């Protein structure tokens, strides 16, 4: 329960991060290390998703896309369709903004199949 509360606090902090994006990233990276040490793959996937959001906020779209892809891979390994769908939702505009329209199209098609 403690980990879940901490993750919720971190995620809420990102939503209003603005100038606090550096602190949000540090907290998320710390959480990522802890969840990896605990072999908590689901929380690892969630933290990767939120790290992607921090990069998105900072216009680091390639990095955001890479983190969304990594998160999606973990959700796939866990057979978590909801997590996969969320990652696909964010991957599509990340690809579009990078001019990767074919990949963005594939993501939309995959999302519609879920």
N, C-alpha and C. Protein backbone atom coordinates (compact mmCIF):
# COMPACT_ATOMS: atom_id res chain seq x y z
N UNK A 1 0.83 -1.20 0.00
CA UNK A 1 0.00 0.00 0.00
C UNK A 1 0.87 1.26 0.00
N UNK A 2 1.99 1.21 0.73
CA UNK A 2 2.86 2.39 0.79
C UNK A 2 3.38 2.76 -0.59
N UNK A 3 3.81 1.77 -1.36
CA UNK A 3 4.32 2.02 -2.71
C UNK A 3 3.26 2.63 -3.59
N UNK A 4 2.04 2.15 -3.47
CA UNK A 4 0.94 2.67 -4.26
C UNK A 4 0.66 4.13 -3.90
N UNK A 5 0.68 4.44 -2.61
CA UNK A 5 0.46 5.83 -2.18
C UNK A 5 1.56 6.74 -2.70
N UNK A 6 2.81 6.28 -2.63
CA UNK A 6 3.95 7.08 -3.11
C UNK A 6 3.84 7.30 -4.61
N UNK A 7 3.48 6.25 -5.34
CA UNK A 7 3.34 6.37 -6.78
C UNK A 7 2.23 7.37 -7.11
N UNK A 8 1.12 7.31 -6.38
CA UNK A 8 0.03 8.25 -6.60
C UNK A 8 0.46 9.68 -6.36
N UNK A 9 1.22 9.90 -5.31
CA UNK A 9 1.73 11.24 -4.99
C UNK A 9 2.64 11.75 -6.09
N UNK A 10 3.51 10.90 -6.57
CA UNK A 10 4.44 11.29 -7.64
C UNK A 10 3.66 11.64 -8.90
N UNK A 11 2.70 10.80 -9.25
CA UNK A 11 1.93 11.02 -10.47
C UNK A 11 1.14 12.33 -10.39
N UNK A 12 0.57 12.61 -9.23
CA UNK A 12 -0.14 13.88 -9.07
C UNK A 12 0.82 15.05 -9.21
N UNK A 13 2.04 14.89 -8.71
CA UNK A 13 3.04 15.94 -8.80
C UNK A 13 3.42 16.24 -10.24
N UNK A 14 3.42 15.23 -11.08
CA UNK A 14 3.79 15.44 -12.48
C UNK A 14 2.73 16.28 -13.19
N UNK A 15 1.48 16.02 -12.88
CA UNK A 15 0.39 16.73 -13.55
C UNK A 15 0.55 18.24 -13.40
N UNK A 16 1.04 18.68 -12.25
CA UNK A 16 1.22 20.11 -12.04
C UNK A 16 2.69 20.49 -11.96
N UNK A 17 3.56 19.69 -12.58
CA UNK A 17 5.00 19.86 -12.43
C UNK A 17 5.49 21.21 -12.93
N UNK A 18 5.16 21.56 -14.16
CA UNK A 18 5.66 22.81 -14.71
C UNK A 18 7.15 22.95 -14.48
N UNK A 19 7.55 23.91 -13.68
CA UNK A 19 8.95 24.13 -13.38
C UNK A 19 9.54 23.07 -12.46
N UNK A 20 8.73 22.21 -11.95
CA UNK A 20 9.20 21.15 -11.05
C UNK A 20 9.50 19.87 -11.80
N UNK A 21 9.60 19.93 -13.11
CA UNK A 21 9.82 18.72 -13.91
C UNK A 21 11.11 18.02 -13.52
N UNK A 22 12.14 18.77 -13.16
CA UNK A 22 13.42 18.16 -12.77
C UNK A 22 13.23 17.35 -11.50
N UNK A 23 12.52 17.92 -10.54
CA UNK A 23 12.25 17.18 -9.29
C UNK A 23 11.37 15.98 -9.57
N UNK A 24 10.36 16.15 -10.42
CA UNK A 24 9.49 15.03 -10.76
C UNK A 24 10.30 13.90 -11.37
N UNK A 25 11.21 14.24 -12.30
CA UNK A 25 12.04 13.22 -12.94
C UNK A 25 12.88 12.49 -11.89
N UNK A 26 13.48 13.23 -10.97
CA UNK A 26 14.32 12.61 -9.94
C UNK A 26 13.52 11.64 -9.08
N UNK A 27 12.32 12.05 -8.68
CA UNK A 27 11.47 11.17 -7.87
C UNK A 27 11.05 9.94 -8.66
N UNK A 28 10.72 10.14 -9.91
CA UNK A 28 10.31 9.00 -10.74
C UNK A 28 11.47 8.04 -10.97
N UNK A 29 12.66 8.57 -11.22
CA UNK A 29 13.82 7.70 -11.42
C UNK A 29 14.15 6.91 -10.15
N UNK A 30 13.98 7.56 -9.00
CA UNK A 30 14.18 6.86 -7.73
C UNK A 30 13.15 5.74 -7.59
N UNK A 31 11.91 6.05 -7.90
CA UNK A 31 10.85 5.04 -7.82
C UNK A 31 11.12 3.90 -8.80
N UNK A 32 11.58 4.24 -10.00
CA UNK A 32 11.87 3.22 -11.00
C UNK A 32 12.93 2.25 -10.48
N UNK A 33 13.97 2.78 -9.87
CA UNK A 33 15.02 1.92 -9.30
C UNK A 33 14.46 1.00 -8.22
N UNK A 34 13.62 1.55 -7.36
CA UNK A 34 13.03 0.75 -6.29
C UNK A 34 12.13 -0.35 -6.84
N UNK A 35 11.27 -0.01 -7.80
CA UNK A 35 10.36 -1.01 -8.35
C UNK A 35 11.11 -2.08 -9.13
N UNK A 36 12.20 -1.70 -9.79
CA UNK A 36 13.01 -2.71 -10.48
C UNK A 36 13.67 -3.63 -9.46
N UNK A 37 14.16 -3.07 -8.36
CA UNK A 37 14.77 -3.89 -7.32
C UNK A 37 13.76 -4.85 -6.70
N UNK A 38 12.52 -4.41 -6.61
CA UNK A 38 11.45 -5.26 -6.07
C UNK A 38 10.85 -6.19 -7.13
N UNK A 39 11.31 -6.06 -8.35
CA UNK A 39 10.78 -6.81 -9.49
C UNK A 39 9.26 -6.59 -9.63
N UNK A 40 8.85 -5.35 -9.39
CA UNK A 40 7.44 -4.97 -9.53
C UNK A 40 7.26 -4.41 -10.94
N UNK A 41 6.99 -5.29 -11.88
CA UNK A 41 6.95 -4.92 -13.30
C UNK A 41 5.81 -3.96 -13.62
N UNK A 42 4.66 -4.12 -12.96
CA UNK A 42 3.53 -3.25 -13.26
C UNK A 42 3.85 -1.80 -12.88
N UNK A 43 4.36 -1.61 -11.67
CA UNK A 43 4.70 -0.24 -11.24
C UNK A 43 5.86 0.32 -12.05
N UNK A 44 6.77 -0.54 -12.45
CA UNK A 44 7.85 -0.11 -13.32
C UNK A 44 7.28 0.45 -14.62
N UNK A 45 6.31 -0.25 -15.19
CA UNK A 45 5.67 0.20 -16.43
C UNK A 45 4.97 1.54 -16.24
N UNK A 46 4.30 1.70 -15.11
CA UNK A 46 3.59 2.96 -14.83
C UNK A 46 4.59 4.11 -14.70
N UNK A 47 5.68 3.88 -13.99
CA UNK A 47 6.68 4.93 -13.81
C UNK A 47 7.32 5.30 -15.15
N UNK A 48 7.60 4.32 -15.99
CA UNK A 48 8.14 4.62 -17.32
C UNK A 48 7.18 5.49 -18.12
N UNK A 49 5.89 5.19 -18.00
CA UNK A 49 4.88 6.00 -18.68
C UNK A 49 4.94 7.45 -18.20
N UNK A 50 5.04 7.64 -16.88
CA UNK A 50 5.10 8.99 -16.35
C UNK A 50 6.42 9.69 -16.65
N UNK A 51 7.51 8.94 -16.73
CA UNK A 51 8.76 9.54 -17.18
C UNK A 51 8.61 10.04 -18.62
N UNK A 52 7.87 9.28 -19.42
CA UNK A 52 7.57 9.73 -20.78
C UNK A 52 6.81 11.04 -20.77
N UNK A 53 5.88 11.18 -19.83
CA UNK A 53 5.12 12.43 -19.73
C UNK A 53 6.04 13.61 -19.38
N UNK A 54 6.99 13.38 -18.50
CA UNK A 54 7.93 14.45 -18.14
C UNK A 54 8.71 14.87 -19.38
N UNK A 55 9.17 13.90 -20.15
CA UNK A 55 9.90 14.24 -21.38
C UNK A 55 8.99 14.96 -22.37
N UNK A 56 7.74 14.54 -22.45
CA UNK A 56 6.79 15.20 -23.35
C UNK A 56 6.63 16.66 -22.95
N UNK A 57 6.46 16.91 -21.67
CA UNK A 57 6.31 18.28 -21.15
C UNK A 57 7.52 19.13 -21.53
N UNK A 58 8.69 18.50 -21.55
CA UNK A 58 9.93 19.21 -21.87
C UNK A 58 10.30 19.13 -23.35
N UNK A 59 9.35 18.75 -24.18
CA UNK A 59 9.51 18.67 -25.64
C UNK A 59 10.64 17.73 -26.06
N UNK A 60 10.87 16.70 -25.28
CA UNK A 60 11.84 15.66 -25.65
C UNK A 60 11.04 14.47 -26.20
N UNK A 61 10.51 14.66 -27.40
CA UNK A 61 9.55 13.72 -27.95
C UNK A 61 10.15 12.35 -28.27
N UNK A 62 11.39 12.31 -28.74
CA UNK A 62 12.00 11.01 -29.01
C UNK A 62 12.18 10.23 -27.71
N UNK A 63 12.63 10.91 -26.67
CA UNK A 63 12.80 10.24 -25.38
C UNK A 63 11.45 9.80 -24.83
N UNK A 64 10.45 10.66 -24.96
CA UNK A 64 9.11 10.30 -24.49
C UNK A 64 8.62 9.05 -25.22
N UNK A 65 8.77 9.04 -26.54
CA UNK A 65 8.34 7.89 -27.32
C UNK A 65 9.04 6.61 -26.90
N UNK A 66 10.35 6.70 -26.65
CA UNK A 66 11.11 5.52 -26.23
C UNK A 66 10.59 4.99 -24.89
N UNK A 67 10.29 5.90 -23.96
CA UNK A 67 9.77 5.49 -22.66
C UNK A 67 8.37 4.90 -22.77
N UNK A 68 7.52 5.49 -23.63
CA UNK A 68 6.19 4.92 -23.85
C UNK A 68 6.30 3.53 -24.45
N UNK A 69 7.25 3.34 -25.36
CA UNK A 69 7.45 2.01 -25.97
C UNK A 69 7.90 0.99 -24.93
N UNK A 70 8.83 1.40 -24.08
CA UNK A 70 9.32 0.50 -23.03
C UNK A 70 8.19 0.13 -22.07
N UNK A 71 7.39 1.12 -21.71
CA UNK A 71 6.25 0.88 -20.83
C UNK A 71 5.26 -0.08 -21.50
N UNK A 72 4.98 0.15 -22.77
CA UNK A 72 4.05 -0.72 -23.50
C UNK A 72 4.58 -2.16 -23.51
N UNK A 73 5.88 -2.32 -23.70
CA UNK A 73 6.46 -3.67 -23.70
C UNK A 73 6.23 -4.40 -22.39
N UNK A 74 6.39 -3.68 -21.28
CA UNK A 74 6.15 -4.30 -19.97
C UNK A 74 4.67 -4.63 -19.79
N UNK A 75 3.80 -3.70 -20.18
CA UNK A 75 2.37 -3.98 -20.07
C UNK A 75 1.98 -5.18 -20.93
N UNK A 76 2.59 -5.30 -22.10
CA UNK A 76 2.33 -6.46 -22.95
C UNK A 76 2.77 -7.74 -22.26
N UNK A 77 3.95 -7.73 -21.68
CA UNK A 77 4.46 -8.91 -20.97
C UNK A 77 3.53 -9.30 -19.82
N UNK A 78 2.87 -8.31 -19.25
CA UNK A 78 1.93 -8.54 -18.14
C UNK A 78 0.51 -8.82 -18.61
N UNK A 79 0.30 -8.77 -19.92
CA UNK A 79 -1.05 -8.93 -20.51
C UNK A 79 -2.03 -7.91 -19.95
N UNK A 80 -1.56 -6.70 -19.73
CA UNK A 80 -2.38 -5.62 -19.18
C UNK A 80 -2.89 -4.76 -20.34
N UNK A 81 -4.07 -5.09 -20.83
CA UNK A 81 -4.61 -4.37 -21.99
C UNK A 81 -4.87 -2.90 -21.70
N UNK A 82 -5.28 -2.58 -20.51
CA UNK A 82 -5.52 -1.19 -20.16
C UNK A 82 -4.22 -0.38 -20.25
N UNK A 83 -3.14 -0.93 -19.70
CA UNK A 83 -1.84 -0.27 -19.76
C UNK A 83 -1.35 -0.12 -21.19
N UNK A 84 -1.54 -1.17 -21.99
CA UNK A 84 -1.15 -1.11 -23.40
C UNK A 84 -1.91 0.00 -24.10
N UNK A 85 -3.21 0.07 -23.87
CA UNK A 85 -4.06 1.08 -24.50
C UNK A 85 -3.60 2.49 -24.13
N UNK A 86 -3.28 2.71 -22.87
CA UNK A 86 -2.82 4.03 -22.43
C UNK A 86 -1.51 4.39 -23.14
N UNK A 87 -0.59 3.45 -23.21
CA UNK A 87 0.68 3.71 -23.90
C UNK A 87 0.45 4.03 -25.37
N UNK A 88 -0.42 3.29 -26.01
CA UNK A 88 -0.71 3.55 -27.43
C UNK A 88 -1.32 4.93 -27.61
N UNK A 89 -2.16 5.33 -26.67
CA UNK A 89 -2.78 6.65 -26.73
C UNK A 89 -1.73 7.76 -26.77
N UNK A 90 -0.67 7.59 -26.00
CA UNK A 90 0.39 8.61 -25.96
C UNK A 90 1.43 8.42 -27.05
N UNK A 91 1.63 7.19 -27.51
CA UNK A 91 2.60 6.95 -28.58
C UNK A 91 2.18 7.60 -29.89
N UNK A 92 0.91 7.56 -30.19
CA UNK A 92 0.44 8.08 -31.48
C UNK A 92 0.82 9.55 -31.69
N UNK A 93 0.51 10.45 -30.77
CA UNK A 93 0.95 11.84 -31.00
C UNK A 93 2.47 12.02 -30.91
N UNK A 94 3.13 11.20 -30.09
CA UNK A 94 4.60 11.29 -30.02
C UNK A 94 5.20 10.96 -31.38
N UNK A 95 4.68 9.93 -32.03
CA UNK A 95 5.15 9.57 -33.37
C UNK A 95 4.78 10.66 -34.38
N UNK A 96 3.55 11.14 -34.30
CA UNK A 96 3.10 12.18 -35.24
C UNK A 96 4.01 13.42 -35.16
N UNK A 97 4.30 13.87 -33.96
CA UNK A 97 5.12 15.07 -33.78
C UNK A 97 6.54 14.88 -34.27
N UNK A 98 6.97 13.63 -34.34
CA UNK A 98 8.32 13.33 -34.84
C UNK A 98 8.32 13.08 -36.34
N UNK A 99 7.14 13.15 -36.97
CA UNK A 99 7.04 12.90 -38.40
C UNK A 99 7.06 11.42 -38.74
N UNK A 100 6.77 10.58 -37.77
CA UNK A 100 6.76 9.12 -37.98
C UNK A 100 5.32 8.66 -38.21
N UNK A 101 4.74 9.14 -39.30
CA UNK A 101 3.30 8.94 -39.55
C UNK A 101 2.91 7.48 -39.74
N UNK A 102 3.77 6.68 -40.35
CA UNK A 102 3.43 5.26 -40.53
C UNK A 102 3.33 4.55 -39.19
N UNK A 103 4.25 4.85 -38.29
CA UNK A 103 4.20 4.25 -36.97
C UNK A 103 2.99 4.76 -36.19
N UNK A 104 2.68 6.03 -36.33
CA UNK A 104 1.50 6.60 -35.67
C UNK A 104 0.23 5.90 -36.16
N UNK A 105 0.18 5.64 -37.45
CA UNK A 105 -0.98 4.95 -38.03
C UNK A 105 -1.10 3.52 -37.48
N UNK A 106 0.02 2.83 -37.39
CA UNK A 106 0.01 1.46 -36.85
C UNK A 106 -0.47 1.45 -35.40
N UNK A 107 -0.06 2.46 -34.63
CA UNK A 107 -0.48 2.54 -33.24
C UNK A 107 -1.99 2.75 -33.15
N UNK A 108 -2.53 3.60 -34.00
CA UNK A 108 -3.98 3.83 -34.00
C UNK A 108 -4.71 2.53 -34.35
N UNK A 109 -4.21 1.81 -35.34
CA UNK A 109 -4.84 0.54 -35.73
C UNK A 109 -4.77 -0.47 -34.59
N UNK A 110 -3.63 -0.55 -33.94
CA UNK A 110 -3.47 -1.49 -32.82
C UNK A 110 -4.42 -1.13 -31.69
N UNK A 111 -4.54 0.16 -31.41
CA UNK A 111 -5.44 0.61 -30.34
C UNK A 111 -6.88 0.25 -30.65
N UNK A 112 -7.27 0.35 -31.89
CA UNK A 112 -8.65 0.04 -32.28
C UNK A 112 -8.94 -1.46 -32.17
N UNK A 113 -7.88 -2.28 -32.24
CA UNK A 113 -8.06 -3.73 -32.16
C UNK A 113 -8.21 -4.21 -30.72
N UNK A 114 -7.81 -3.39 -29.76
CA UNK A 114 -7.87 -3.81 -28.35
C UNK A 114 -9.27 -3.72 -27.79
